[in-house]
Amino acid sequence: MDRLHAMQVFVAVVDTRSISAAAVRLGSGQPAVSKTLAALEAHLGVTLLLRSTRGSALTEAGRRFLAHARTTLDEAEAAEVAARDEGLSLTGPLRIAAPPTYATQVIIPHLGEFRARHPGIVLDLLLDDRRIDMIAEGIDLALRGGRLDDSTVVARRVDRAEQWVVASRAYCERRGTPDHPRELPGHDFIEYTAWNAATWRFARGGVEEPVTVPATMRVSAAEALRAAVFAGLGCAIVSERMIQRALDNPALVRLLRDWTLPEGDFWLCAPAGRRMGAKARAFSGWLDEIVARMAGGGPPLS
C-alpha cells in the first residue's frame, strides 16, 4: 500500500465529506477510493470513518490520524517544492514589509551582502509602521515588532532588543535628568502609539517598579519618535534597534541606566496557509545571520 497516497485519499474524503466527492477531486473512481480507505484502516487496525447513507463521520482514532496525516502531506509537499527550488536560480521580485526605522537601522545597511548572493532577486520594500494586510498587499515577508495578535500570519521571533529611556542632551540640560522611574511623570514624554503601553515595568535588583507615564506628545511612526527626541521635545522609551546607528551620538543621552525594561521582540511573518518560497527562505536565513552578528555571533533566535 502507498501510505502517502492513502493519506491523500483519507484527507480528501474528510474534506469533501463523501467518498464520491473525494473520487471526483482525486480524479479516481469511487470503488478505488473505497478500496484504498479500507486498506488503510486494515493496515492501521482501527476504524477511521463511520460510513452511513448520509455520509461519513470521523472516529476518535480518525481525528488523531487526520492531524498527523495533514502534517505529513504538508511536509512532503514542502520537500518537493524545496527540491524543485534548488534546481532554479533565485530570480524575480521579493516583496517585504518592515517598519521604516528597523529597515534603515538593521536591514538596509547590510543589504549589499544579500544582493551579492542573490543578484537576480528584485527587492520591493514596503516601509510602514502600520500592520499591513499581507495578502491584500501581496507581501511575501513582514517584519513586525511587539506582541502578535494576527491569526492571518505565521511568525517566528527573529530578533530581540533592549528598551531604553532616552532624551537629548539639550533636553536634559534644560529640564534635568531623572534618577528614578517615578520621576518620569514629571517630564515631557513622547509616546510611540504602536506600542500602546501607558504603564512601563522597570526593574532593578529583583524589584519591579511599574510606572504610568502620561504623554505630552504622541507619534505613530518610530522615525518621528527619533526625530522628536533629537529635537529635545522630551524623554521617550525606544527600542535599541530604533537608535542602532546613533548610539555614539553625543547629542543622545540614555537615562536610568541602572533600571531595565522588558525586551522587545521582532517577528518575521509570512501569510498563513501559503508556502514560503525559495526567495523568502533565502532572505529569512540571511536575516538570521545579520541579527546573530549584531548580537555578538550567537545562534539565531527560535
Protein backbone atom coordinates (compact mmCIF):
# COMPACT_ATOMS: atom_id res chain seq x y z
CA MET A 1 0.00 0.00 0.00
CA ASP A 2 1.21 3.51 -0.89
CA ARG A 3 0.74 5.10 2.52
CA LEU A 4 1.21 8.66 1.29
CA HIS A 5 -1.47 8.15 -1.36
CA ALA A 6 -3.71 6.53 1.23
CA MET A 7 -3.37 9.60 3.43
CA GLN A 8 -4.28 11.81 0.47
CA VAL A 9 -7.39 9.73 -0.12
CA PHE A 10 -8.36 9.82 3.56
CA VAL A 11 -7.92 13.61 3.80
CA ALA A 12 -9.88 14.11 0.58
CA VAL A 13 -12.78 12.03 1.96
CA VAL A 14 -12.77 14.05 5.18
CA ASP A 15 -12.60 17.39 3.36
CA THR A 16 -15.32 16.58 0.84
CA ARG A 17 -17.42 14.61 3.35
CA SER A 18 -18.14 11.82 0.89
CA ILE A 19 -16.33 9.08 -0.99
CA SER A 20 -17.91 10.06 -4.30
CA ALA A 21 -16.85 13.71 -3.97
CA ALA A 22 -13.35 12.64 -2.94
CA ALA A 23 -13.15 10.45 -6.05
CA VAL A 24 -14.03 13.45 -8.24
CA ARG A 25 -11.38 15.60 -6.54
CA LEU A 26 -8.73 12.91 -6.93
CA GLY A 27 -9.69 12.04 -10.49
CA SER A 28 -10.29 8.47 -9.47
CA GLY A 29 -13.16 6.03 -9.37
CA GLN A 30 -15.36 5.64 -6.31
CA PRO A 31 -14.52 1.92 -5.92
CA ALA A 32 -10.78 2.72 -5.91
CA VAL A 33 -11.24 5.33 -3.18
CA SER A 34 -13.29 2.91 -1.06
CA LYS A 35 -10.70 0.18 -1.55
CA THR A 36 -7.81 2.47 -0.57
CA LEU A 37 -9.64 3.68 2.53
CA ALA A 38 -10.44 0.11 3.59
CA ALA A 39 -6.80 -0.92 3.05
CA LEU A 40 -5.62 2.00 5.19
CA GLU A 41 -7.94 1.05 8.05
CA ALA A 42 -6.85 -2.58 7.80
CA HIS A 43 -3.20 -1.51 7.88
CA LEU A 44 -3.78 0.65 10.98
CA GLY A 45 -6.10 -1.84 12.65
CA VAL A 46 -8.64 0.87 13.51
CA THR A 47 -11.78 2.39 12.02
CA LEU A 48 -11.16 5.93 10.84
CA LEU A 49 -14.57 6.77 9.42
CA LEU A 50 -18.09 5.66 10.29
CA ARG A 51 -20.00 5.42 6.99
CA SER A 52 -23.73 5.74 6.50
CA THR A 53 -26.11 6.67 3.71
CA ARG A 54 -25.95 10.28 4.93
CA GLY A 55 -22.16 10.48 4.70
CA SER A 56 -19.26 9.70 6.99
CA ALA A 57 -18.07 10.84 10.42
CA LEU A 58 -14.63 10.69 11.99
CA THR A 59 -13.97 8.33 14.86
CA GLU A 60 -11.67 9.42 17.68
CA ALA A 61 -8.85 7.46 16.04
CA GLY A 62 -9.72 9.18 12.78
CA ARG A 63 -9.44 12.64 14.36
CA ARG A 64 -6.00 11.83 15.75
CA PHE A 65 -4.82 10.34 12.47
CA LEU A 66 -6.16 13.28 10.46
CA ALA A 67 -3.91 15.80 12.20
CA HIS A 68 -0.80 13.72 11.57
CA ALA A 69 -1.83 12.94 8.01
CA ARG A 70 -2.21 16.63 7.17
CA THR A 71 1.22 17.36 8.65
CA THR A 72 2.82 14.52 6.71
CA LEU A 73 1.27 15.66 3.44
CA ASP A 74 2.32 19.25 4.08
CA GLU A 75 5.91 18.20 4.78
CA ALA A 76 6.00 16.00 1.68
CA GLU A 77 4.79 18.87 -0.48
CA ALA A 78 7.31 21.24 1.12
CA ALA A 79 10.11 18.77 0.38
CA GLU A 80 9.08 18.61 -3.27
CA VAL A 81 8.94 22.41 -3.52
CA ALA A 82 12.36 22.71 -1.88
CA ALA A 83 13.85 20.14 -4.26
CA ARG A 84 12.45 21.94 -7.29
CA ASP A 85 13.63 25.31 -5.97
CA GLU A 86 17.19 24.01 -5.55
CA GLY A 87 17.39 23.47 -9.26
CA LEU A 88 16.35 27.03 -10.07
CA SER A 89 18.25 30.28 -9.78
CA LEU A 90 16.63 32.77 -7.43
CA THR A 91 15.20 35.49 -9.61
CA GLY A 92 12.24 37.82 -9.60
CA PRO A 93 10.53 40.08 -7.06
CA LEU A 94 10.52 39.60 -3.30
CA ARG A 95 8.10 41.94 -1.51
CA ILE A 96 8.95 42.69 2.11
CA ALA A 97 7.14 44.91 4.61
CA ALA A 98 9.01 46.36 7.57
CA PRO A 99 8.90 49.28 10.00
CA PRO A 100 10.93 52.11 8.42
CA THR A 101 13.28 52.53 11.38
CA TYR A 102 14.05 48.81 11.67
CA ALA A 103 14.70 48.69 7.94
CA THR A 104 17.02 51.71 7.93
CA GLN A 105 18.86 50.74 11.12
CA VAL A 106 19.18 46.97 10.67
CA ILE A 107 18.27 45.69 7.21
CA ILE A 108 19.31 48.25 4.59
CA PRO A 109 22.89 48.83 5.87
CA HIS A 110 23.64 45.15 5.20
CA LEU A 111 21.59 44.59 2.04
CA GLY A 112 24.68 44.71 -0.16
CA GLU A 113 25.60 41.26 1.14
CA PHE A 114 22.21 39.84 0.24
CA ARG A 115 22.32 41.45 -3.21
CA ALA A 116 25.78 39.98 -3.81
CA ARG A 117 24.50 36.48 -3.00
CA HIS A 118 21.25 36.77 -4.97
CA PRO A 119 21.65 39.37 -7.73
CA GLY A 120 18.59 38.05 -9.54
CA ILE A 121 16.19 38.90 -6.71
CA VAL A 122 14.45 42.25 -7.06
CA LEU A 123 13.64 43.55 -3.57
CA ASP A 124 10.47 45.56 -3.11
CA LEU A 125 10.50 47.12 0.37
CA LEU A 126 7.22 48.46 1.72
CA LEU A 127 8.16 50.52 4.78
CA ASP A 128 5.32 51.39 7.13
CA ASP A 129 4.78 51.29 10.89
CA ARG A 130 1.20 50.11 10.49
CA ARG A 131 0.23 46.44 10.43
CA ILE A 132 -0.13 45.74 6.73
CA ASP A 133 -2.56 43.16 5.36
CA MET A 134 -0.04 40.77 3.82
CA ILE A 135 -2.50 39.05 1.50
CA ALA A 136 -4.11 42.25 0.21
CA GLU A 137 -0.73 43.93 -0.34
CA GLY A 138 0.93 40.87 -1.87
CA ILE A 139 3.62 40.71 0.82
CA ASP A 140 5.95 37.71 0.95
CA LEU A 141 7.52 38.50 4.35
CA ALA A 142 6.88 41.13 7.02
CA LEU A 143 8.91 42.30 10.00
CA ARG A 144 6.79 43.22 12.99
CA GLY A 145 7.66 44.34 16.48
CA GLY A 146 5.90 43.83 19.79
CA ARG A 147 3.07 41.45 20.55
CA LEU A 148 1.48 39.46 17.73
CA ASP A 149 -2.30 39.05 17.60
CA ASP A 150 -2.83 38.36 13.90
CA SER A 151 -4.24 34.95 13.01
CA THR A 152 -3.66 35.54 9.29
CA VAL A 153 0.12 35.13 9.60
CA VAL A 154 2.60 32.54 10.82
CA ALA A 155 5.58 34.03 12.60
CA ARG A 156 8.85 33.26 14.31
CA ARG A 157 10.91 35.51 16.53
CA VAL A 158 13.93 36.71 14.58
CA ASP A 159 15.28 39.45 16.85
CA ARG A 160 15.07 40.73 20.39
CA ALA A 161 16.22 44.14 21.58
CA GLU A 162 16.55 46.05 24.82
CA GLN A 163 14.29 49.01 25.51
CA TRP A 164 15.78 52.20 26.91
CA VAL A 165 14.70 55.60 28.17
CA VAL A 166 16.44 58.30 26.17
CA ALA A 167 16.43 62.05 25.74
CA SER A 168 18.56 64.63 24.02
CA ARG A 169 21.42 66.28 25.88
CA ALA A 170 19.78 69.64 25.26
CA TYR A 171 16.57 68.45 26.93
CA CYS A 172 18.46 67.16 29.98
CA GLU A 173 20.33 70.43 30.31
CA ARG A 174 17.02 72.31 30.18
CA ARG A 175 14.78 70.04 32.29
CA GLY A 176 17.19 67.91 34.32
CA THR A 177 17.90 64.19 34.31
CA PRO A 178 15.53 61.76 36.07
CA ASP A 179 17.27 59.47 38.59
CA HIS A 180 14.30 57.18 39.28
CA PRO A 181 11.43 55.89 37.09
CA ARG A 182 8.95 57.60 39.43
CA GLU A 183 10.33 60.94 38.25
CA LEU A 184 9.32 60.33 34.64
CA PRO A 185 5.70 61.57 35.03
CA GLY A 186 7.16 64.97 35.86
CA HIS A 187 8.92 65.14 32.49
CA ASP A 188 7.76 65.73 28.94
CA PHE A 189 7.21 62.26 27.49
CA ILE A 190 6.89 61.28 23.82
CA GLU A 191 4.77 58.15 23.34
CA TYR A 192 5.06 55.73 20.43
CA THR A 193 1.42 54.80 19.87
CA ALA A 194 2.17 51.48 18.14
CA TRP A 195 3.28 50.05 21.49
CA ASN A 196 0.04 51.02 23.23
CA ALA A 197 1.62 50.91 26.70
CA ALA A 198 0.74 53.52 29.32
CA THR A 199 2.37 51.60 32.19
CA TRP A 200 6.02 50.57 31.96
CA ARG A 201 7.56 47.95 34.25
CA PHE A 202 11.05 48.93 35.32
CA ALA A 203 13.20 46.51 37.32
CA ARG A 204 16.36 46.80 39.40
CA GLY A 205 17.89 44.30 41.80
CA GLY A 206 14.91 41.99 41.55
CA VAL A 207 12.46 44.76 42.45
CA GLU A 208 9.84 45.82 39.90
CA GLU A 209 8.63 49.39 39.64
CA PRO A 210 5.53 49.88 37.46
CA VAL A 211 5.21 53.48 36.34
CA THR A 212 2.40 55.14 34.41
CA VAL A 213 3.83 57.92 32.28
CA PRO A 214 1.33 60.37 30.77
CA ALA A 215 2.25 61.51 27.28
CA THR A 216 2.78 65.13 26.38
CA MET A 217 3.14 64.12 22.73
CA ARG A 218 2.18 61.04 20.73
CA VAL A 219 3.59 59.83 17.40
CA SER A 220 2.60 56.87 15.23
CA ALA A 221 5.95 56.39 13.47
CA ALA A 222 9.21 55.31 15.07
CA GLU A 223 11.17 57.64 12.79
CA ALA A 224 9.13 60.55 14.16
CA LEU A 225 9.87 59.36 17.70
CA ARG A 226 13.60 59.50 16.97
CA ALA A 227 13.29 62.95 15.44
CA ALA A 228 11.27 64.27 18.38
CA VAL A 229 13.88 63.01 20.84
CA PHE A 230 16.75 64.65 18.97
CA ALA A 231 14.68 67.84 18.72
CA GLY A 232 14.63 67.98 22.53
CA LEU A 233 10.86 67.56 22.84
CA GLY A 234 11.06 65.15 25.77
CA CYS A 235 12.02 61.72 27.07
CA ALA A 236 10.97 58.56 25.23
CA ILE A 237 11.16 54.81 25.56
CA VAL A 238 12.78 53.38 22.46
CA SER A 239 13.89 50.01 21.21
CA GLU A 240 17.64 49.60 20.88
CA ARG A 241 17.01 48.91 17.20
CA MET A 242 15.39 52.33 16.71
CA ILE A 243 18.67 54.07 17.53
CA GLN A 244 21.08 51.36 16.39
CA ARG A 245 23.16 53.74 14.29
CA ALA A 246 23.05 56.69 16.71
CA LEU A 247 24.41 55.04 19.86
CA ASP A 248 27.64 57.05 19.71
CA ASN A 249 25.92 60.36 19.02
CA PRO A 250 26.85 62.73 21.89
CA ALA A 251 23.52 64.50 21.46
CA LEU A 252 21.71 61.38 22.71
CA VAL A 253 21.56 60.50 26.42
CA ARG A 254 20.46 57.15 27.80
CA LEU A 255 18.63 57.67 31.09
CA LEU A 256 18.03 55.38 34.09
CA ARG A 257 20.86 53.03 33.14
CA ASP A 258 20.53 51.13 36.43
CA TRP A 259 16.98 50.09 35.51
CA THR A 260 15.83 47.59 32.90
CA LEU A 261 12.66 47.28 30.88
CA PRO A 262 11.29 44.08 29.28
CA GLU A 263 12.98 43.33 25.98
CA GLY A 264 11.05 43.87 22.77
CA ASP A 265 10.57 41.08 20.23
CA PHE A 266 10.72 41.35 16.45
CA TRP A 267 8.93 38.75 14.35
CA LEU A 268 9.34 37.57 10.79
CA CYS A 269 5.87 36.85 9.43
CA ALA A 270 4.55 35.02 6.38
CA PRO A 271 0.93 34.67 5.22
CA ALA A 272 -0.76 31.72 6.89
CA GLY A 273 -1.53 28.81 4.60
CA ARG A 274 0.98 29.83 1.94
CA ARG A 275 4.22 28.00 1.17
CA MET A 276 7.32 30.07 1.81
CA GLY A 277 9.19 30.24 -1.48
CA ALA A 278 12.92 29.87 -2.00
CA LYS A 279 13.47 33.64 -2.24
CA ALA A 280 11.72 34.23 1.06
CA ARG A 281 13.68 31.41 2.70
CA ALA A 282 16.93 32.89 1.42
CA PHE A 283 16.08 36.28 2.90
CA SER A 284 14.99 34.68 6.19
CA GLY A 285 18.28 32.81 6.54
CA TRP A 286 20.30 35.91 5.66
CA LEU A 287 18.44 37.99 8.27
CA ASP A 288 19.24 35.35 10.90
CA GLU A 289 22.92 35.80 10.10
CA ILE A 290 22.72 39.59 10.40
CA VAL A 291 20.90 39.51 13.73
CA ALA A 292 23.29 36.90 15.15
CA ARG A 293 26.23 39.06 14.11
CA MET A 294 24.70 42.10 15.80
CA ALA A 295 24.19 40.06 18.96
CA GLY A 296 27.84 39.03 19.02
CA GLY A 297 27.85 35.91 16.91
CA GLY A 298 25.28 33.90 18.85
CA PRO A 299 22.86 31.45 17.21
CA PRO A 300 19.63 32.74 15.63
CA LEU A 301 16.64 33.06 17.95
CA SER A 302 13.97 30.39 17.80
